[in-house]
Amino acid sequence: MTTPVCTSASKAAAPAASYTPNARYATYSSFSSYVRARGPVLLRTARSLTANPSDAEDLLQTALTKTYVAWERIEDHRALDGYVRRALLNTRTSQWRKRKVDEFACDELPEPETVPTPDPAEQQVLHDAMWRAVMKLPDRQRAMVVLRYYEDLSEAQTAEVLGVSVGTVKSAVSRALGKLREDPELAPVR
């Protein structure tokens, strides 16, 4: 709330009775009495205009601020609820028009669900079991699996390194993966 600052020229031009501290206190007192009496009803109205209770409280506070500014100009104080409801509706409409369209409701959350982190000891056991299973593969298949999945080479790059065709890499890796799937040490992973 701001206090008007008067200069000597404005004091001379303004009538002496237009602003007095007692008049301001009376305005504040009657306004605060109104807010205490009608606040819960007006908050319900604000909640019906918004989906979020916090937004409803902000909306009501903004509407009440506008009402306080106009308090002296409102002639019929019996119609204050209508005035505040209109301020609520106008404020909400302005907010709606100004809002950015970067939020929208959806059925699924865009954030991935948090997956519990695996136990490092279990990861090491799995890593060791996988290497033992890879070491059981024939040399040629093992080389292709290591180049494809551990060195992350493409099928063409693997074929070039080993001096074989891409089709040979595809078939040998497919057979190797089949053997790894059947390895009894890797059964708990499936």
C-alpha atoms as a PDB file:
ATOM      1  CA  MET A   1       0.000   0.000   0.000  1.00  0.00           C
ATOM      2  CA  THR A   2       1.449   3.351  -0.975  1.00  0.00           C
ATOM      3  CA  THR A   3       0.956   6.650   0.781  1.00  0.00           C
ATOM      4  CA  PRO A   4       0.267   9.657  -1.433  1.00  0.00           C
ATOM      5  CA  VAL A   5       3.038  12.213  -1.395  1.00  0.00           C
ATOM      6  CA  CYS A   6       1.824  15.806  -1.384  1.00  0.00           C
ATOM      7  CA  THR A   7       3.852  18.732  -2.530  1.00  0.00           C
ATOM      8  CA  SER A   8       3.098  22.275  -1.441  1.00  0.00           C
ATOM      9  CA  ALA A   9       1.373  23.049  -4.757  1.00  0.00           C
ATOM     10  CA  SER A  10      -0.889  20.002  -4.541  1.00  0.00           C
ATOM     11  CA  LYS A  11      -1.765  20.777  -0.909  1.00  0.00           C
ATOM     12  CA  ALA A  12      -2.955  24.202  -1.876  1.00  0.00           C
ATOM     13  CA  ALA A  13      -5.025  22.852  -4.782  1.00  0.00           C
ATOM     14  CA  ALA A  14      -6.583  19.966  -2.852  1.00  0.00           C
ATOM     15  CA  PRO A  15      -9.381  20.587  -0.360  1.00  0.00           C
ATOM     16  CA  ALA A  16      -8.332  19.954   3.220  1.00  0.00           C
ATOM     17  CA  ALA A  17     -11.057  17.371   3.860  1.00  0.00           C
ATOM     18  CA  SER A  18     -10.241  15.147   0.851  1.00  0.00           C
ATOM     19  CA  TYR A  19      -7.585  13.124   2.648  1.00  0.00           C
ATOM     20  CA  THR A  20      -7.151  12.690   6.339  1.00  0.00           C
ATOM     21  CA  PRO A  21      -5.500   9.899   8.285  1.00  0.00           C
ATOM     22  CA  ASN A  22      -8.790   9.159  10.066  1.00  0.00           C
ATOM     23  CA  ALA A  23     -10.637   8.763   6.755  1.00  0.00           C
ATOM     24  CA  ARG A  24      -7.971   6.361   5.546  1.00  0.00           C
ATOM     25  CA  TYR A  25      -8.199   4.354   8.773  1.00  0.00           C
ATOM     26  CA  ALA A  26     -11.989   4.186   8.435  1.00  0.00           C
ATOM     27  CA  THR A  27     -11.609   2.912   4.873  1.00  0.00           C
ATOM     28  CA  TYR A  28      -9.092   0.311   5.944  1.00  0.00           C
ATOM     29  CA  SER A  29     -11.208  -0.735   8.926  1.00  0.00           C
ATOM     30  CA  SER A  30     -14.399  -1.187   6.893  1.00  0.00           C
ATOM     31  CA  PHE A  31     -12.509  -3.013   4.130  1.00  0.00           C
ATOM     32  CA  SER A  32     -10.765  -5.385   6.550  1.00  0.00           C
ATOM     33  CA  SER A  33     -14.104  -6.101   8.274  1.00  0.00           C
ATOM     34  CA  TYR A  34     -15.603  -6.952   4.896  1.00  0.00           C
ATOM     35  CA  VAL A  35     -12.688  -9.267   4.015  1.00  0.00           C
ATOM     36  CA  ARG A  36     -12.911 -11.073   7.367  1.00  0.00           C
ATOM     37  CA  ALA A  37     -16.653 -11.570   6.987  1.00  0.00           C
ATOM     38  CA  ARG A  38     -16.826 -12.517   3.301  1.00  0.00           C
ATOM     39  CA  GLY A  39     -13.337 -13.921   2.648  1.00  0.00           C
ATOM     40  CA  PRO A  40     -14.220 -17.641   2.889  1.00  0.00           C
ATOM     41  CA  VAL A  41     -17.196 -17.270   0.520  1.00  0.00           C
ATOM     42  CA  LEU A  42     -15.135 -15.294  -1.959  1.00  0.00           C
ATOM     43  CA  LEU A  43     -12.312 -17.853  -1.744  1.00  0.00           C
ATOM     44  CA  ARG A  44     -14.773 -20.595  -2.711  1.00  0.00           C
ATOM     45  CA  THR A  45     -15.705 -18.524  -5.742  1.00  0.00           C
ATOM     46  CA  ALA A  46     -12.040 -18.081  -6.638  1.00  0.00           C
ATOM     47  CA  ARG A  47     -11.461 -21.832  -6.269  1.00  0.00           C
ATOM     48  CA  SER A  48     -14.268 -22.502  -8.709  1.00  0.00           C
ATOM     49  CA  LEU A  49     -12.406 -20.371 -11.270  1.00  0.00           C
ATOM     50  CA  THR A  50      -9.028 -22.089 -10.927  1.00  0.00           C
ATOM     51  CA  ALA A  51      -7.826 -25.651 -10.626  1.00  0.00           C
ATOM     52  CA  ASN A  52      -5.126 -24.919  -8.073  1.00  0.00           C
ATOM     53  CA  PRO A  53      -5.959 -23.755  -4.504  1.00  0.00           C
ATOM     54  CA  SER A  54      -2.818 -21.598  -4.393  1.00  0.00           C
ATOM     55  CA  ASP A  55      -3.817 -19.900  -7.640  1.00  0.00           C
ATOM     56  CA  ALA A  56      -7.273 -19.283  -6.154  1.00  0.00           C
ATOM     57  CA  GLU A  57      -5.729 -17.520  -3.163  1.00  0.00           C
ATOM     58  CA  ASP A  58      -3.590 -15.372  -5.470  1.00  0.00           C
ATOM     59  CA  LEU A  59      -6.626 -14.584  -7.605  1.00  0.00           C
ATOM     60  CA  LEU A  60      -8.660 -13.525  -4.592  1.00  0.00           C
ATOM     61  CA  GLN A  61      -5.839 -11.373  -3.268  1.00  0.00           C
ATOM     62  CA  THR A  62      -5.533  -9.594  -6.617  1.00  0.00           C
ATOM     63  CA  ALA A  63      -9.295  -9.019  -6.805  1.00  0.00           C
ATOM     64  CA  LEU A  64      -9.376  -7.709  -3.233  1.00  0.00           C
ATOM     65  CA  THR A  65      -6.494  -5.356  -4.017  1.00  0.00           C
ATOM     66  CA  LYS A  66      -8.493  -3.942  -6.924  1.00  0.00           C
ATOM     67  CA  THR A  67     -11.508  -3.637  -4.657  1.00  0.00           C
ATOM     68  CA  TYR A  68      -9.534  -1.791  -2.006  1.00  0.00           C
ATOM     69  CA  VAL A  69      -8.250   0.695  -4.569  1.00  0.00           C
ATOM     70  CA  ALA A  70     -11.832   1.390  -5.665  1.00  0.00           C
ATOM     71  CA  TRP A  71     -13.322   1.204  -2.143  1.00  0.00           C
ATOM     72  CA  GLU A  72     -14.157   4.920  -1.922  1.00  0.00           C
ATOM     73  CA  ARG A  73     -15.748   4.956  -5.398  1.00  0.00           C
ATOM     74  CA  ILE A  74     -18.099   2.027  -4.708  1.00  0.00           C
ATOM     75  CA  GLU A  75     -21.428   3.653  -3.898  1.00  0.00           C
ATOM     76  CA  ASP A  76     -23.465   0.667  -2.722  1.00  0.00           C
ATOM     77  CA  HIS A  77     -21.491  -1.397  -0.237  1.00  0.00           C
ATOM     78  CA  ARG A  78     -24.356  -3.891  -0.097  1.00  0.00           C
ATOM     79  CA  ALA A  79     -23.318  -5.019  -3.595  1.00  0.00           C
ATOM     80  CA  LEU A  80     -19.653  -5.579  -2.727  1.00  0.00           C
ATOM     81  CA  ASP A  81     -19.817  -9.338  -3.312  1.00  0.00           C
ATOM     82  CA  GLY A  82     -20.902  -8.733  -6.895  1.00  0.00           C
ATOM     83  CA  TYR A  83     -18.117  -6.217  -7.378  1.00  0.00           C
ATOM     84  CA  VAL A  84     -15.483  -8.610  -6.018  1.00  0.00           C
ATOM     85  CA  ARG A  85     -16.860 -11.527  -8.047  1.00  0.00           C
ATOM     86  CA  ARG A  86     -16.683  -9.410 -11.187  1.00  0.00           C
ATOM     87  CA  ALA A  87     -13.085  -8.466 -10.259  1.00  0.00           C
ATOM     88  CA  LEU A  88     -12.312 -12.181  -9.756  1.00  0.00           C
ATOM     89  CA  LEU A  89     -13.762 -13.077 -13.131  1.00  0.00           C
ATOM     90  CA  ASN A  90     -12.076 -10.203 -14.962  1.00  0.00           C
ATOM     91  CA  THR A  91      -8.718 -10.942 -13.319  1.00  0.00           C
ATOM     92  CA  ARG A  92      -8.986 -14.644 -14.160  1.00  0.00           C
ATOM     93  CA  THR A  93      -9.919 -13.831 -17.743  1.00  0.00           C
ATOM     94  CA  SER A  94      -6.910 -11.525 -18.042  1.00  0.00           C
ATOM     95  CA  GLN A  95      -4.640 -14.221 -16.612  1.00  0.00           C
ATOM     96  CA  TRP A  96      -6.061 -16.764 -19.007  1.00  0.00           C
ATOM     97  CA  ARG A  97      -5.485 -14.484 -21.991  1.00  0.00           C
ATOM     98  CA  LYS A  98      -1.916 -13.691 -20.951  1.00  0.00           C
ATOM     99  CA  ARG A  99      -0.877 -17.225 -20.075  1.00  0.00           C
ATOM    100  CA  LYS A 100       1.759 -19.014 -22.033  1.00  0.00           C
ATOM    101  CA  VAL A 101       0.624 -22.183 -23.664  1.00  0.00           C
ATOM    102  CA  ASP A 102       3.568 -24.222 -22.449  1.00  0.00           C
ATOM    103  CA  GLU A 103       1.618 -26.275 -19.934  1.00  0.00           C
ATOM    104  CA  PHE A 104      -1.085 -28.732 -20.791  1.00  0.00           C
ATOM    105  CA  ALA A 105      -2.813 -31.643 -19.144  1.00  0.00           C
ATOM    106  CA  CYS A 106      -1.971 -35.120 -20.338  1.00  0.00           C
ATOM    107  CA  ASP A 107      -2.786 -38.650 -19.330  1.00  0.00           C
ATOM    108  CA  GLU A 108       0.816 -39.681 -18.772  1.00  0.00           C
ATOM    109  CA  LEU A 109       3.575 -37.778 -17.053  1.00  0.00           C
ATOM    110  CA  PRO A 110       6.330 -36.739 -19.461  1.00  0.00           C
ATOM    111  CA  GLU A 111       9.007 -37.468 -16.875  1.00  0.00           C
ATOM    112  CA  PRO A 112      10.208 -41.049 -16.782  1.00  0.00           C
ATOM    113  CA  GLU A 113       9.494 -42.951 -13.632  1.00  0.00           C
ATOM    114  CA  THR A 114      12.484 -43.200 -11.398  1.00  0.00           C
ATOM    115  CA  VAL A 115      13.947 -46.659 -11.572  1.00  0.00           C
ATOM    116  CA  PRO A 116      15.653 -47.826  -8.420  1.00  0.00           C
ATOM    117  CA  THR A 117      19.393 -47.998  -8.924  1.00  0.00           C
ATOM    118  CA  PRO A 118      20.719 -51.538  -8.959  1.00  0.00           C
ATOM    119  CA  ASP A 119      23.064 -52.740  -6.288  1.00  0.00           C
ATOM    120  CA  PRO A 120      26.706 -52.319  -7.421  1.00  0.00           C
ATOM    121  CA  ALA A 121      27.568 -55.789  -6.111  1.00  0.00           C
ATOM    122  CA  GLU A 122      24.797 -57.325  -8.214  1.00  0.00           C
ATOM    123  CA  GLN A 123      26.000 -55.357 -11.238  1.00  0.00           C
ATOM    124  CA  GLN A 124      29.524 -56.694 -10.770  1.00  0.00           C
ATOM    125  CA  VAL A 125      28.235 -60.274 -10.455  1.00  0.00           C
ATOM    126  CA  LEU A 126      26.254 -59.815 -13.675  1.00  0.00           C
ATOM    127  CA  HIS A 127      29.254 -58.250 -15.433  1.00  0.00           C
ATOM    128  CA  ASP A 128      31.498 -61.162 -14.416  1.00  0.00           C
ATOM    129  CA  ALA A 129      28.899 -63.739 -15.475  1.00  0.00           C
ATOM    130  CA  MET A 130      28.515 -62.039 -18.849  1.00  0.00           C
ATOM    131  CA  TRP A 131      32.276 -62.068 -19.460  1.00  0.00           C
ATOM    132  CA  ARG A 132      32.495 -65.744 -18.509  1.00  0.00           C
ATOM    133  CA  ALA A 133      29.668 -66.490 -20.970  1.00  0.00           C
ATOM    134  CA  VAL A 134      31.368 -64.443 -23.723  1.00  0.00           C
ATOM    135  CA  MET A 135      34.657 -66.263 -23.067  1.00  0.00           C
ATOM    136  CA  LYS A 136      32.872 -69.615 -23.708  1.00  0.00           C
ATOM    137  CA  LEU A 137      32.018 -68.546 -27.274  1.00  0.00           C
ATOM    138  CA  PRO A 138      34.190 -69.711 -30.179  1.00  0.00           C
ATOM    139  CA  ASP A 139      37.008 -67.251 -30.986  1.00  0.00           C
ATOM    140  CA  ARG A 140      35.430 -65.864 -34.137  1.00  0.00           C
ATOM    141  CA  GLN A 141      31.984 -65.309 -32.577  1.00  0.00           C
ATOM    142  CA  ARG A 142      33.576 -63.833 -29.448  1.00  0.00           C
ATOM    143  CA  ALA A 143      35.577 -61.364 -31.560  1.00  0.00           C
ATOM    144  CA  MET A 144      32.451 -60.269 -33.424  1.00  0.00           C
ATOM    145  CA  VAL A 145      30.398 -59.830 -30.219  1.00  0.00           C
ATOM    146  CA  VAL A 146      33.184 -57.840 -28.565  1.00  0.00           C
ATOM    147  CA  LEU A 147      33.624 -55.573 -31.584  1.00  0.00           C
ATOM    148  CA  ARG A 148      29.859 -55.062 -32.071  1.00  0.00           C
ATOM    149  CA  TYR A 149      28.684 -54.600 -28.478  1.00  0.00           C
ATOM    150  CA  TYR A 150      31.718 -53.721 -26.353  1.00  0.00           C
ATOM    151  CA  GLU A 151      33.608 -51.625 -28.890  1.00  0.00           C
ATOM    152  CA  ASP A 152      30.317 -50.359 -30.402  1.00  0.00           C
ATOM    153  CA  LEU A 153      31.362 -50.834 -34.027  1.00  0.00           C
ATOM    154  CA  SER A 154      28.763 -51.122 -36.771  1.00  0.00           C
ATOM    155  CA  GLU A 155      28.290 -54.383 -38.655  1.00  0.00           C
ATOM    156  CA  ALA A 156      30.180 -52.938 -41.638  1.00  0.00           C
ATOM    157  CA  GLN A 157      33.078 -51.768 -39.446  1.00  0.00           C
ATOM    158  CA  THR A 158      33.254 -55.162 -37.712  1.00  0.00           C
ATOM    159  CA  ALA A 159      33.280 -56.931 -41.091  1.00  0.00           C
ATOM    160  CA  GLU A 160      36.076 -54.655 -42.297  1.00  0.00           C
ATOM    161  CA  VAL A 161      38.215 -55.216 -39.168  1.00  0.00           C
ATOM    162  CA  LEU A 162      37.846 -59.000 -39.370  1.00  0.00           C
ATOM    163  CA  GLY A 163      38.047 -59.193 -43.172  1.00  0.00           C
ATOM    164  CA  VAL A 164      34.662 -60.918 -43.617  1.00  0.00           C
ATOM    165  CA  SER A 165      31.364 -59.963 -45.224  1.00  0.00           C
ATOM    166  CA  VAL A 166      28.594 -58.062 -43.408  1.00  0.00           C
ATOM    167  CA  GLY A 167      26.315 -61.098 -43.792  1.00  0.00           C
ATOM    168  CA  THR A 168      28.881 -63.268 -41.998  1.00  0.00           C
ATOM    169  CA  VAL A 169      28.991 -60.782 -39.107  1.00  0.00           C
ATOM    170  CA  LYS A 170      25.182 -60.734 -38.891  1.00  0.00           C
ATOM    171  CA  SER A 171      24.815 -64.521 -38.826  1.00  0.00           C
ATOM    172  CA  ALA A 172      27.742 -65.125 -36.461  1.00  0.00           C
ATOM    173  CA  VAL A 173      26.546 -62.462 -33.989  1.00  0.00           C
ATOM    174  CA  SER A 174      23.016 -63.871 -34.146  1.00  0.00           C
ATOM    175  CA  ARG A 175      24.274 -67.371 -33.296  1.00  0.00           C
ATOM    176  CA  ALA A 176      26.493 -65.969 -30.511  1.00  0.00           C
ATOM    177  CA  LEU A 177      23.590 -64.079 -28.932  1.00  0.00           C
ATOM    178  CA  GLY A 178      21.507 -67.266 -29.080  1.00  0.00           C
ATOM    179  CA  LYS A 179      24.243 -69.120 -27.167  1.00  0.00           C
ATOM    180  CA  LEU A 180      24.451 -66.309 -24.591  1.00  0.00           C
ATOM    181  CA  ARG A 181      20.682 -66.453 -24.058  1.00  0.00           C
ATOM    182  CA  GLU A 182      20.951 -70.180 -23.321  1.00  0.00           C
ATOM    183  CA  ASP A 183      23.882 -69.831 -20.907  1.00  0.00           C
ATOM    184  CA  PRO A 184      22.753 -71.076 -17.464  1.00  0.00           C
ATOM    185  CA  GLU A 185      24.887 -68.469 -15.628  1.00  0.00           C
ATOM    186  CA  LEU A 186      22.835 -65.703 -17.186  1.00  0.00           C
ATOM    187  CA  ALA A 187      19.465 -67.256 -16.295  1.00  0.00           C
ATOM    188  CA  PRO A 188      18.760 -64.838 -13.371  1.00  0.00           C
ATOM    189  CA  VAL A 189      18.954 -61.895 -15.826  1.00  0.00           C
ATOM    190  CA  ARG A 190      16.063 -63.119 -17.955  1.00  0.00           C
END
